[in-house]
Amino acid sequence: RYDFGLEYLDFSKISSLDFEKPDTDVFEGLKMAYDS
């Protein structure tokens, strides 16, 4: 790994990390990919 001066993650600026199930009825392409 090398330090190229890219931005570091600042946890003090993160209020939450959210996760949810994708809606494959609306976003049908995801289900079609699984089926394929």
PDB file of all heavy atoms in Angstrom:
ATOM      1  N   ARG A   1       0.848  -1.183   0.000  1.00  0.00           N
ATOM      2  CA  ARG A   1       0.000   0.000   0.000  1.00  0.00           C
ATOM      3  C   ARG A   1       0.882   1.232   0.000  1.00  0.00           C
ATOM      4  O   ARG A   1       1.940   1.239   0.643  1.00  0.00           O
ATOM      5  CB  ARG A   1      -0.917   0.026   1.235  1.00  0.00           C
ATOM      6  CG  ARG A   1      -1.913  -1.127   1.313  1.00  0.00           C
ATOM      7  CD  ARG A   1      -2.729  -1.032   2.595  1.00  0.00           C
ATOM      8  NE  ARG A   1      -3.592  -2.183   2.790  1.00  0.00           N
ATOM      9  CZ  ARG A   1      -4.863  -2.246   2.388  1.00  0.00           C
ATOM     10  NH1 ARG A   1      -5.400  -1.198   1.770  1.00  0.00           N
ATOM     11  NH2 ARG A   1      -5.584  -3.329   2.603  1.00  0.00           N
ATOM     12  N   TYR A   2       0.452   2.275  -0.702  1.00  0.00           N
ATOM     13  CA  TYR A   2       1.213   3.519  -0.736  1.00  0.00           C
ATOM     14  C   TYR A   2       0.293   4.706  -0.439  1.00  0.00           C
ATOM     15  O   TYR A   2      -0.888   4.693  -0.774  1.00  0.00           O
ATOM     16  CB  TYR A   2       1.881   3.716  -2.104  1.00  0.00           C
ATOM     17  CG  TYR A   2       3.042   2.788  -2.330  1.00  0.00           C
ATOM     18  CD1 TYR A   2       2.867   1.564  -2.965  1.00  0.00           C
ATOM     19  CD2 TYR A   2       4.321   3.115  -1.883  1.00  0.00           C
ATOM     20  CE1 TYR A   2       3.933   0.699  -3.174  1.00  0.00           C
ATOM     21  CE2 TYR A   2       5.385   2.262  -2.077  1.00  0.00           C
ATOM     22  CZ  TYR A   2       5.189   1.054  -2.723  1.00  0.00           C
ATOM     23  OH  TYR A   2       6.244   0.197  -2.908  1.00  0.00           O
ATOM     24  N   ASP A   3       0.840   5.703   0.179  1.00  0.00           N
ATOM     25  CA  ASP A   3       0.093   6.915   0.494  1.00  0.00           C
ATOM     26  C   ASP A   3       0.248   7.900  -0.650  1.00  0.00           C
ATOM     27  O   ASP A   3       1.344   8.434  -0.874  1.00  0.00           O
ATOM     28  CB  ASP A   3       0.626   7.523   1.799  1.00  0.00           C
ATOM     29  CG  ASP A   3      -0.104   8.808   2.181  1.00  0.00           C
ATOM     30  OD1 ASP A   3      -1.085   9.163   1.487  1.00  0.00           O
ATOM     31  OD2 ASP A   3       0.306   9.454   3.167  1.00  0.00           O
ATOM     32  N   PHE A   4      -0.835   8.119  -1.380  1.00  0.00           N
ATOM     33  CA  PHE A   4      -0.810   9.060  -2.500  1.00  0.00           C
ATOM     34  C   PHE A   4      -1.475  10.374  -2.147  1.00  0.00           C
ATOM     35  O   PHE A   4      -1.821  11.163  -3.025  1.00  0.00           O
ATOM     36  CB  PHE A   4      -1.496   8.434  -3.719  1.00  0.00           C
ATOM     37  CG  PHE A   4      -0.714   7.320  -4.343  1.00  0.00           C
ATOM     38  CD1 PHE A   4      -1.098   6.002  -4.173  1.00  0.00           C
ATOM     39  CD2 PHE A   4       0.419   7.583  -5.087  1.00  0.00           C
ATOM     40  CE1 PHE A   4      -0.382   4.978  -4.738  1.00  0.00           C
ATOM     41  CE2 PHE A   4       1.145   6.563  -5.662  1.00  0.00           C
ATOM     42  CZ  PHE A   4       0.751   5.257  -5.489  1.00  0.00           C
ATOM     43  N   GLY A   5      -1.694  10.597  -0.865  1.00  0.00           N
ATOM     44  CA  GLY A   5      -2.346  11.829  -0.465  1.00  0.00           C
ATOM     45  C   GLY A   5      -3.837  11.818  -0.701  1.00  0.00           C
ATOM     46  O   GLY A   5      -4.462  12.885  -0.765  1.00  0.00           O
ATOM     47  N   LEU A   6      -4.421  10.614  -0.839  1.00  0.00           N
ATOM     48  CA  LEU A   6      -5.866  10.522  -1.011  1.00  0.00           C
ATOM     49  C   LEU A   6      -6.557  10.785   0.322  1.00  0.00           C
ATOM     50  O   LEU A   6      -5.961  10.667   1.386  1.00  0.00           O
ATOM     51  CB  LEU A   6      -6.239   9.137  -1.546  1.00  0.00           C
ATOM     52  CG  LEU A   6      -5.605   8.754  -2.888  1.00  0.00           C
ATOM     53  CD1 LEU A   6      -6.050   7.363  -3.305  1.00  0.00           C
ATOM     54  CD2 LEU A   6      -5.940   9.766  -3.971  1.00  0.00           C
ATOM     55  N   GLU A   7      -7.830  11.119   0.247  1.00  0.00           N
ATOM     56  CA  GLU A   7      -8.575  11.505   1.440  1.00  0.00           C
ATOM     57  C   GLU A   7      -8.718  10.343   2.424  1.00  0.00           C
ATOM     58  O   GLU A   7      -8.939   9.202   2.042  1.00  0.00           O
ATOM     59  CB  GLU A   7      -9.969  11.997   1.037  1.00  0.00           C
ATOM     60  CG  GLU A   7     -10.812  12.518   2.184  1.00  0.00           C
ATOM     61  CD  GLU A   7     -12.188  12.965   1.737  1.00  0.00           C
ATOM     62  OE1 GLU A   7     -12.437  12.980   0.518  1.00  0.00           O
ATOM     63  OE2 GLU A   7     -13.005  13.287   2.614  1.00  0.00           O
ATOM     64  N   TYR A   8      -8.585  10.658   3.708  1.00  0.00           N
ATOM     65  CA  TYR A   8      -8.803   9.668   4.762  1.00  0.00           C
ATOM     66  C   TYR A   8     -10.240   9.766   5.257  1.00  0.00           C
ATOM     67  O   TYR A   8     -10.872  10.824   5.206  1.00  0.00           O
ATOM     68  CB  TYR A   8      -7.841   9.894   5.931  1.00  0.00           C
ATOM     69  CG  TYR A   8      -6.415   9.469   5.650  1.00  0.00           C
ATOM     70  CD1 TYR A   8      -5.543  10.310   4.958  1.00  0.00           C
ATOM     71  CD2 TYR A   8      -5.948   8.228   6.059  1.00  0.00           C
ATOM     72  CE1 TYR A   8      -4.239   9.922   4.687  1.00  0.00           C
ATOM     73  CE2 TYR A   8      -4.640   7.826   5.810  1.00  0.00           C
ATOM     74  CZ  TYR A   8      -3.792   8.681   5.117  1.00  0.00           C
ATOM     75  OH  TYR A   8      -2.503   8.286   4.850  1.00  0.00           O
ATOM     76  N   LEU A   9     -10.736   8.646   5.763  1.00  0.00           N
ATOM     77  CA  LEU A   9     -12.088   8.613   6.312  1.00  0.00           C
ATOM     78  C   LEU A   9     -12.115   9.253   7.698  1.00  0.00           C
ATOM     79  O   LEU A   9     -11.329   8.895   8.569  1.00  0.00           O
ATOM     80  CB  LEU A   9     -12.566   7.158   6.403  1.00  0.00           C
ATOM     81  CG  LEU A   9     -14.030   6.915   6.763  1.00  0.00           C
ATOM     82  CD1 LEU A   9     -14.956   7.529   5.710  1.00  0.00           C
ATOM     83  CD2 LEU A   9     -14.286   5.412   6.880  1.00  0.00           C
ATOM     84  N   ASP A  10     -12.995  10.213   7.896  1.00  0.00           N
ATOM     85  CA  ASP A  10     -13.120  10.915   9.177  1.00  0.00           C
ATOM     86  C   ASP A  10     -14.416  10.457   9.855  1.00  0.00           C
ATOM     87  O   ASP A  10     -15.513  10.880   9.493  1.00  0.00           O
ATOM     88  CB  ASP A  10     -13.141  12.431   8.946  1.00  0.00           C
ATOM     89  CG  ASP A  10     -13.154  13.227  10.250  1.00  0.00           C
ATOM     90  OD1 ASP A  10     -13.369  12.626  11.318  1.00  0.00           O
ATOM     91  OD2 ASP A  10     -12.960  14.459  10.178  1.00  0.00           O
ATOM     92  N   PHE A  11     -14.281   9.563  10.842  1.00  0.00           N
ATOM     93  CA  PHE A  11     -15.463   9.003  11.485  1.00  0.00           C
ATOM     94  C   PHE A  11     -16.253  10.046  12.283  1.00  0.00           C
ATOM     95  O   PHE A  11     -17.444   9.863  12.527  1.00  0.00           O
ATOM     96  CB  PHE A  11     -15.066   7.845  12.408  1.00  0.00           C
ATOM     97  CG  PHE A  11     -14.822   6.554  11.666  1.00  0.00           C
ATOM     98  CD1 PHE A  11     -13.548   6.197  11.271  1.00  0.00           C
ATOM     99  CD2 PHE A  11     -15.873   5.717  11.347  1.00  0.00           C
ATOM    100  CE1 PHE A  11     -13.319   5.019  10.582  1.00  0.00           C
ATOM    101  CE2 PHE A  11     -15.654   4.533  10.652  1.00  0.00           C
ATOM    102  CZ  PHE A  11     -14.381   4.181  10.269  1.00  0.00           C
ATOM    103  N   SER A  12     -15.603  11.146  12.645  1.00  0.00           N
ATOM    104  CA  SER A  12     -16.324  12.177  13.386  1.00  0.00           C
ATOM    105  C   SER A  12     -17.375  12.867  12.536  1.00  0.00           C
ATOM    106  O   SER A  12     -18.276  13.536  13.050  1.00  0.00           O
ATOM    107  CB  SER A  12     -15.337  13.222  13.933  1.00  0.00           C
ATOM    108  OG  SER A  12     -14.776  13.986  12.873  1.00  0.00           O
ATOM    109  N   LYS A  13     -17.266  12.695  11.212  1.00  0.00           N
ATOM    110  CA  LYS A  13     -18.219  13.327  10.300  1.00  0.00           C
ATOM    111  C   LYS A  13     -19.302  12.350   9.834  1.00  0.00           C
ATOM    112  O   LYS A  13     -20.162  12.704   9.012  1.00  0.00           O
ATOM    113  CB  LYS A  13     -17.487  13.899   9.090  1.00  0.00           C
ATOM    114  CG  LYS A  13     -16.514  15.018   9.435  1.00  0.00           C
ATOM    115  CD  LYS A  13     -15.813  15.537   8.193  1.00  0.00           C
ATOM    116  CE  LYS A  13     -14.828  16.653   8.531  1.00  0.00           C
ATOM    117  NZ  LYS A  13     -14.113  17.145   7.328  1.00  0.00           N
ATOM    118  N   ILE A  14     -19.253  11.106  10.333  1.00  0.00           N
ATOM    119  CA  ILE A  14     -20.226  10.097   9.921  1.00  0.00           C
ATOM    120  C   ILE A  14     -21.250   9.909  11.040  1.00  0.00           C
ATOM    121  O   ILE A  14     -20.907   9.453  12.130  1.00  0.00           O
ATOM    122  CB  ILE A  14     -19.535   8.762   9.611  1.00  0.00           C
ATOM    123  CG1 ILE A  14     -18.512   8.944   8.481  1.00  0.00           C
ATOM    124  CG2 ILE A  14     -20.566   7.699   9.219  1.00  0.00           C
ATOM    125  CD1 ILE A  14     -17.666   7.727   8.232  1.00  0.00           C
ATOM    126  N   SER A  15     -22.487  10.258  10.786  1.00  0.00           N
ATOM    127  CA  SER A  15     -23.511  10.154  11.824  1.00  0.00           C
ATOM    128  C   SER A  15     -24.121   8.761  11.893  1.00  0.00           C
ATOM    129  O   SER A  15     -24.598   8.329  12.953  1.00  0.00           O
ATOM    130  CB  SER A  15     -24.616  11.187  11.588  1.00  0.00           C
ATOM    131  OG  SER A  15     -25.217  10.990  10.317  1.00  0.00           O
ATOM    132  N   SER A  16     -24.110   8.042  10.752  1.00  0.00           N
ATOM    133  CA  SER A  16     -24.694   6.704  10.750  1.00  0.00           C
ATOM    134  C   SER A  16     -24.223   5.922   9.529  1.00  0.00           C
ATOM    135  O   SER A  16     -23.805   6.497   8.518  1.00  0.00           O
ATOM    136  CB  SER A  16     -26.227   6.775  10.738  1.00  0.00           C
ATOM    137  OG  SER A  16     -26.683   7.372   9.538  1.00  0.00           O
ATOM    138  N   LEU A  17     -24.284   4.612   9.647  1.00  0.00           N
ATOM    139  CA  LEU A  17     -24.051   3.700   8.530  1.00  0.00           C
ATOM    140  C   LEU A  17     -25.306   2.845   8.411  1.00  0.00           C
ATOM    141  O   LEU A  17     -25.615   2.052   9.304  1.00  0.00           O
ATOM    142  CB  LEU A  17     -22.821   2.823   8.777  1.00  0.00           C
ATOM    143  CG  LEU A  17     -21.470   3.544   8.859  1.00  0.00           C
ATOM    144  CD1 LEU A  17     -20.363   2.565   9.233  1.00  0.00           C
ATOM    145  CD2 LEU A  17     -21.142   4.229   7.529  1.00  0.00           C
ATOM    146  N   ASP A  18     -26.051   3.027   7.332  1.00  0.00           N
ATOM    147  CA  ASP A  18     -27.350   2.372   7.173  1.00  0.00           C
ATOM    148  C   ASP A  18     -27.270   1.250   6.145  1.00  0.00           C
ATOM    149  O   ASP A  18     -26.531   1.342   5.153  1.00  0.00           O
ATOM    150  CB  ASP A  18     -28.398   3.394   6.725  1.00  0.00           C
ATOM    151  CG  ASP A  18     -28.544   4.535   7.714  1.00  0.00           C
ATOM    152  OD1 ASP A  18     -28.694   4.250   8.912  1.00  0.00           O
ATOM    153  OD2 ASP A  18     -28.485   5.709   7.289  1.00  0.00           O
ATOM    154  N   PHE A  19     -28.081   0.214   6.368  1.00  0.00           N
ATOM    155  CA  PHE A  19     -28.142  -0.922   5.461  1.00  0.00           C
ATOM    156  C   PHE A  19     -29.598  -1.343   5.306  1.00  0.00           C
ATOM    157  O   PHE A  19     -30.360  -1.324   6.270  1.00  0.00           O
ATOM    158  CB  PHE A  19     -27.307  -2.097   5.997  1.00  0.00           C
ATOM    159  CG  PHE A  19     -25.864  -1.755   6.218  1.00  0.00           C
ATOM    160  CD1 PHE A  19     -25.434  -1.295   7.460  1.00  0.00           C
ATOM    161  CD2 PHE A  19     -24.943  -1.865   5.192  1.00  0.00           C
ATOM    162  CE1 PHE A  19     -24.104  -0.955   7.673  1.00  0.00           C
ATOM    163  CE2 PHE A  19     -23.614  -1.529   5.394  1.00  0.00           C
ATOM    164  CZ  PHE A  19     -23.194  -1.071   6.628  1.00  0.00           C
ATOM    165  N   GLU A  20     -29.966  -1.720   4.080  1.00  0.00           N
ATOM    166  CA  GLU A  20     -31.341  -2.154   3.834  1.00  0.00           C
ATOM    167  C   GLU A  20     -31.375  -3.142   2.680  1.00  0.00           C
ATOM    168  O   GLU A  20     -30.460  -3.187   1.844  1.00  0.00           O
ATOM    169  CB  GLU A  20     -32.241  -0.957   3.536  1.00  0.00           C
ATOM    170  CG  GLU A  20     -31.811  -0.159   2.324  1.00  0.00           C
ATOM    171  CD  GLU A  20     -32.494   1.194   2.230  1.00  0.00           C
ATOM    172  OE1 GLU A  20     -32.473   1.954   3.226  1.00  0.00           O
ATOM    173  OE2 GLU A  20     -33.045   1.494   1.148  1.00  0.00           O
ATOM    174  N   LYS A  21     -32.426  -3.913   2.629  1.00  0.00           N
ATOM    175  CA  LYS A  21     -32.586  -4.902   1.573  1.00  0.00           C
ATOM    176  C   LYS A  21     -32.974  -4.225   0.263  1.00  0.00           C
ATOM    177  O   LYS A  21     -33.844  -3.352   0.245  1.00  0.00           O
ATOM    178  CB  LYS A  21     -33.660  -5.915   1.979  1.00  0.00           C
ATOM    179  CG  LYS A  21     -33.799  -7.097   1.045  1.00  0.00           C
ATOM    180  CD  LYS A  21     -34.815  -8.091   1.592  1.00  0.00           C
ATOM    181  CE  LYS A  21     -34.943  -9.306   0.668  1.00  0.00           C
ATOM    182  NZ  LYS A  21     -35.918 -10.290   1.224  1.00  0.00           N
ATOM    183  N   PRO A  22     -32.362  -4.611  -0.846  1.00  0.00           N
ATOM    184  CA  PRO A  22     -32.746  -3.996  -2.128  1.00  0.00           C
ATOM    185  C   PRO A  22     -34.147  -4.427  -2.544  1.00  0.00           C
ATOM    186  O   PRO A  22     -34.576  -5.548  -2.263  1.00  0.00           O
ATOM    187  CB  PRO A  22     -31.689  -4.534  -3.101  1.00  0.00           C
ATOM    188  CG  PRO A  22     -31.200  -5.804  -2.482  1.00  0.00           C
ATOM    189  CD  PRO A  22     -31.262  -5.587  -1.002  1.00  0.00           C
ATOM    190  N   ASP A  23     -34.859  -3.524  -3.207  1.00  0.00           N
ATOM    191  CA  ASP A  23     -36.211  -3.812  -3.678  1.00  0.00           C
ATOM    192  C   ASP A  23     -36.129  -4.371  -5.098  1.00  0.00           C
ATOM    193  O   ASP A  23     -36.085  -3.623  -6.077  1.00  0.00           O
ATOM    194  CB  ASP A  23     -37.050  -2.532  -3.650  1.00  0.00           C
ATOM    195  CG  ASP A  23     -38.526  -2.802  -3.925  1.00  0.00           C
ATOM    196  OD1 ASP A  23     -38.838  -3.862  -4.495  1.00  0.00           O
ATOM    197  OD2 ASP A  23     -39.357  -1.945  -3.571  1.00  0.00           O
ATOM    198  N   THR A  24     -36.113  -5.696  -5.209  1.00  0.00           N
ATOM    199  CA  THR A  24     -35.961  -6.317  -6.531  1.00  0.00           C
ATOM    200  C   THR A  24     -37.258  -6.320  -7.330  1.00  0.00           C
ATOM    201  O   THR A  24     -37.248  -6.644  -8.516  1.00  0.00           O
ATOM    202  CB  THR A  24     -35.430  -7.755  -6.391  1.00  0.00           C
ATOM    203  OG1 THR A  24     -36.276  -8.493  -5.503  1.00  0.00           O
ATOM    204  CG2 THR A  24     -34.011  -7.758  -5.856  1.00  0.00           C
ATOM    205  N   ASP A  25     -38.377  -5.975  -6.703  1.00  0.00           N
ATOM    206  CA  ASP A  25     -39.617  -5.810  -7.464  1.00  0.00           C
ATOM    207  C   ASP A  25     -39.574  -4.527  -8.282  1.00  0.00           C
ATOM    208  O   ASP A  25     -40.074  -4.470  -9.411  1.00  0.00           O
ATOM    209  CB  ASP A  25     -40.828  -5.781  -6.527  1.00  0.00           C
ATOM    210  CG  ASP A  25     -41.112  -7.137  -5.908  1.00  0.00           C
ATOM    211  OD1 ASP A  25     -40.809  -8.155  -6.553  1.00  0.00           O
ATOM    212  OD2 ASP A  25     -41.624  -7.174  -4.780  1.00  0.00           O
ATOM    213  N   VAL A  26     -38.966  -3.479  -7.714  1.00  0.00           N
ATOM    214  CA  VAL A  26     -38.822  -2.208  -8.428  1.00  0.00           C
ATOM    215  C   VAL A  26     -37.596  -2.246  -9.333  1.00  0.00           C
ATOM    216  O   VAL A  26     -37.668  -1.917 -10.522  1.00  0.00           O
ATOM    217  CB  VAL A  26     -38.727  -1.035  -7.439  1.00  0.00           C
ATOM    218  CG1 VAL A  26     -38.455   0.270  -8.191  1.00  0.00           C
ATOM    219  CG2 VAL A  26     -40.016  -0.914  -6.634  1.00  0.00           C
ATOM    220  N   PHE A  27     -36.473  -2.665  -8.782  1.00  0.00           N
ATOM    221  CA  PHE A  27     -35.217  -2.714  -9.541  1.00  0.00           C
ATOM    222  C   PHE A  27     -35.026  -4.140 -10.057  1.00  0.00           C
ATOM    223  O   PHE A  27     -34.228  -4.926  -9.552  1.00  0.00           O
ATOM    224  CB  PHE A  27     -34.060  -2.238  -8.664  1.00  0.00           C
ATOM    225  CG  PHE A  27     -34.215  -0.810  -8.215  1.00  0.00           C
ATOM    226  CD1 PHE A  27     -34.757  -0.509  -6.976  1.00  0.00           C
ATOM    227  CD2 PHE A  27     -33.859   0.225  -9.055  1.00  0.00           C
ATOM    228  CE1 PHE A  27     -34.926   0.804  -6.566  1.00  0.00           C
ATOM    229  CE2 PHE A  27     -34.023   1.550  -8.661  1.00  0.00           C
ATOM    230  CZ  PHE A  27     -34.567   1.835  -7.421  1.00  0.00           C
ATOM    231  N   GLU A  28     -35.790  -4.436 -11.122  1.00  0.00           N
ATOM    232  CA  GLU A  28     -35.906  -5.803 -11.623  1.00  0.00           C
ATOM    233  C   GLU A  28     -34.597  -6.369 -12.170  1.00  0.00           C
ATOM    234  O   GLU A  28     -34.408  -7.582 -12.226  1.00  0.00           O
ATOM    235  CB  GLU A  28     -36.965  -5.856 -12.719  1.00  0.00           C
ATOM    236  CG  GLU A  28     -38.333  -5.375 -12.306  1.00  0.00           C
ATOM    237  CD  GLU A  28     -39.257  -5.255 -13.502  1.00  0.00           C
ATOM    238  OE1 GLU A  28     -39.354  -6.224 -14.273  1.00  0.00           O
ATOM    239  OE2 GLU A  28     -39.876  -4.183 -13.672  1.00  0.00           O
ATOM    240  N   GLY A  29     -33.694  -5.495 -12.585  1.00  0.00           N
ATOM    241  CA  GLY A  29     -32.448  -5.950 -13.189  1.00  0.00           C
ATOM    242  C   GLY A  29     -31.614  -6.792 -12.242  1.00  0.00           C
ATOM    243  O   GLY A  29     -30.922  -7.725 -12.672  1.00  0.00           O
ATOM    244  N   LEU A  30     -31.679  -6.496 -10.950  1.00  0.00           N
ATOM    245  CA  LEU A  30     -30.899  -7.251  -9.981  1.00  0.00           C
ATOM    246  C   LEU A  30     -31.394  -8.695  -9.904  1.00  0.00           C
ATOM    247  O   LEU A  30     -30.602  -9.638  -9.904  1.00  0.00           O
ATOM    248  CB  LEU A  30     -30.969  -6.585  -8.608  1.00  0.00           C
ATOM    249  CG  LEU A  30     -30.175  -7.250  -7.482  1.00  0.00           C
ATOM    250  CD1 LEU A  30     -28.715  -7.399  -7.841  1.00  0.00           C
ATOM    251  CD2 LEU A  30     -30.326  -6.433  -6.189  1.00  0.00           C
ATOM    252  N   LYS A  31     -32.702  -8.883  -9.867  1.00  0.00           N
ATOM    253  CA  LYS A  31     -33.246 -10.246  -9.830  1.00  0.00           C
ATOM    254  C   LYS A  31     -32.945 -10.986 -11.125  1.00  0.00           C
ATOM    255  O   LYS A  31     -32.600 -12.183 -11.110  1.00  0.00           O
ATOM    256  CB  LYS A  31     -34.756 -10.217  -9.598  1.00  0.00           C
ATOM    257  CG  LYS A  31     -35.363 -11.611  -9.450  1.00  0.00           C
ATOM    258  CD  LYS A  31     -36.851 -11.566  -9.200  1.00  0.00           C
ATOM    259  CE  LYS A  31     -37.400 -12.967  -8.905  1.00  0.00           C
ATOM    260  NZ  LYS A  31     -37.085 -13.941  -9.960  1.00  0.00           N
ATOM    261  N   MET A  32     -33.044 -10.310 -12.259  1.00  0.00           N
ATOM    262  CA  MET A  32     -32.745 -10.953 -13.539  1.00  0.00           C
ATOM    263  C   MET A  32     -31.292 -11.395 -13.602  1.00  0.00           C
ATOM    264  O   MET A  32     -30.967 -12.434 -14.192  1.00  0.00           O
ATOM    265  CB  MET A  32     -33.091 -10.017 -14.697  1.00  0.00           C
ATOM    266  CG  MET A  32     -34.583  -9.902 -14.964  1.00  0.00           C
ATOM    267  SD  MET A  32     -34.970  -9.048 -16.518  1.00  0.00           S
ATOM    268  CE  MET A  32     -34.815  -7.334 -16.017  1.00  0.00           C
ATOM    269  N   ALA A  33     -30.416 -10.628 -12.985  1.00  0.00           N
ATOM    270  CA  ALA A  33     -29.001 -11.003 -12.952  1.00  0.00           C
ATOM    271  C   ALA A  33     -28.798 -12.279 -12.136  1.00  0.00           C
ATOM    272  O   ALA A  33     -28.066 -13.188 -12.558  1.00  0.00           O
ATOM    273  CB  ALA A  33     -28.167  -9.867 -12.372  1.00  0.00           C
ATOM    274  N   TYR A  34     -29.423 -12.342 -10.969  1.00  0.00           N
ATOM    275  CA  TYR A  34     -29.337 -13.555 -10.156  1.00  0.00           C
ATOM    276  C   TYR A  34     -29.861 -14.763 -10.932  1.00  0.00           C
ATOM    277  O   TYR A  34     -29.233 -15.827 -10.971  1.00  0.00           O
ATOM    278  CB  TYR A  34     -30.130 -13.385  -8.860  1.00  0.00           C
ATOM    279  CG  TYR A  34     -29.341 -12.832  -7.700  1.00  0.00           C
ATOM    280  CD1 TYR A  34     -29.413 -11.487  -7.359  1.00  0.00           C
ATOM    281  CD2 TYR A  34     -28.526 -13.660  -6.931  1.00  0.00           C
ATOM    282  CE1 TYR A  34     -28.698 -10.971  -6.286  1.00  0.00           C
ATOM    283  CE2 TYR A  34     -27.810 -13.156  -5.856  1.00  0.00           C
ATOM    284  CZ  TYR A  34     -27.902 -11.817  -5.532  1.00  0.00           C
ATOM    285  OH  TYR A  34     -27.177 -11.318  -4.469  1.00  0.00           O
ATOM    286  N   ASP A  35     -31.021 -14.606 -11.545  1.00  0.00           N
ATOM    287  CA  ASP A  35     -31.622 -15.708 -12.293  1.00  0.00           C
ATOM    288  C   ASP A  35     -30.723 -16.143 -13.453  1.00  0.00           C
ATOM    289  O   ASP A  35     -30.563 -17.346 -13.714  1.00  0.00           O
ATOM    290  CB  ASP A  35     -32.992 -15.297 -12.836  1.00  0.00           C
ATOM    291  CG  ASP A  35     -34.031 -15.112 -11.744  1.00  0.00           C
ATOM    292  OD1 ASP A  35     -33.798 -15.590 -10.614  1.00  0.00           O
ATOM    293  OD2 ASP A  35     -35.062 -14.462 -12.022  1.00  0.00           O
ATOM    294  N   SER A  36     -30.122 -15.177 -14.137  1.00  0.00           N
ATOM    295  CA  SER A  36     -29.239 -15.488 -15.264  1.00  0.00           C
ATOM    296  C   SER A  36     -28.011 -16.247 -14.802  1.00  0.00           C
ATOM    297  O   SER A  36     -27.579 -17.213 -15.439  1.00  0.00           O
ATOM    298  CB  SER A  36     -28.822 -14.194 -15.973  1.00  0.00           C
ATOM    299  OG  SER A  36     -29.929 -13.534 -16.537  1.00  0.00           O
TER     300      SER A  36
END
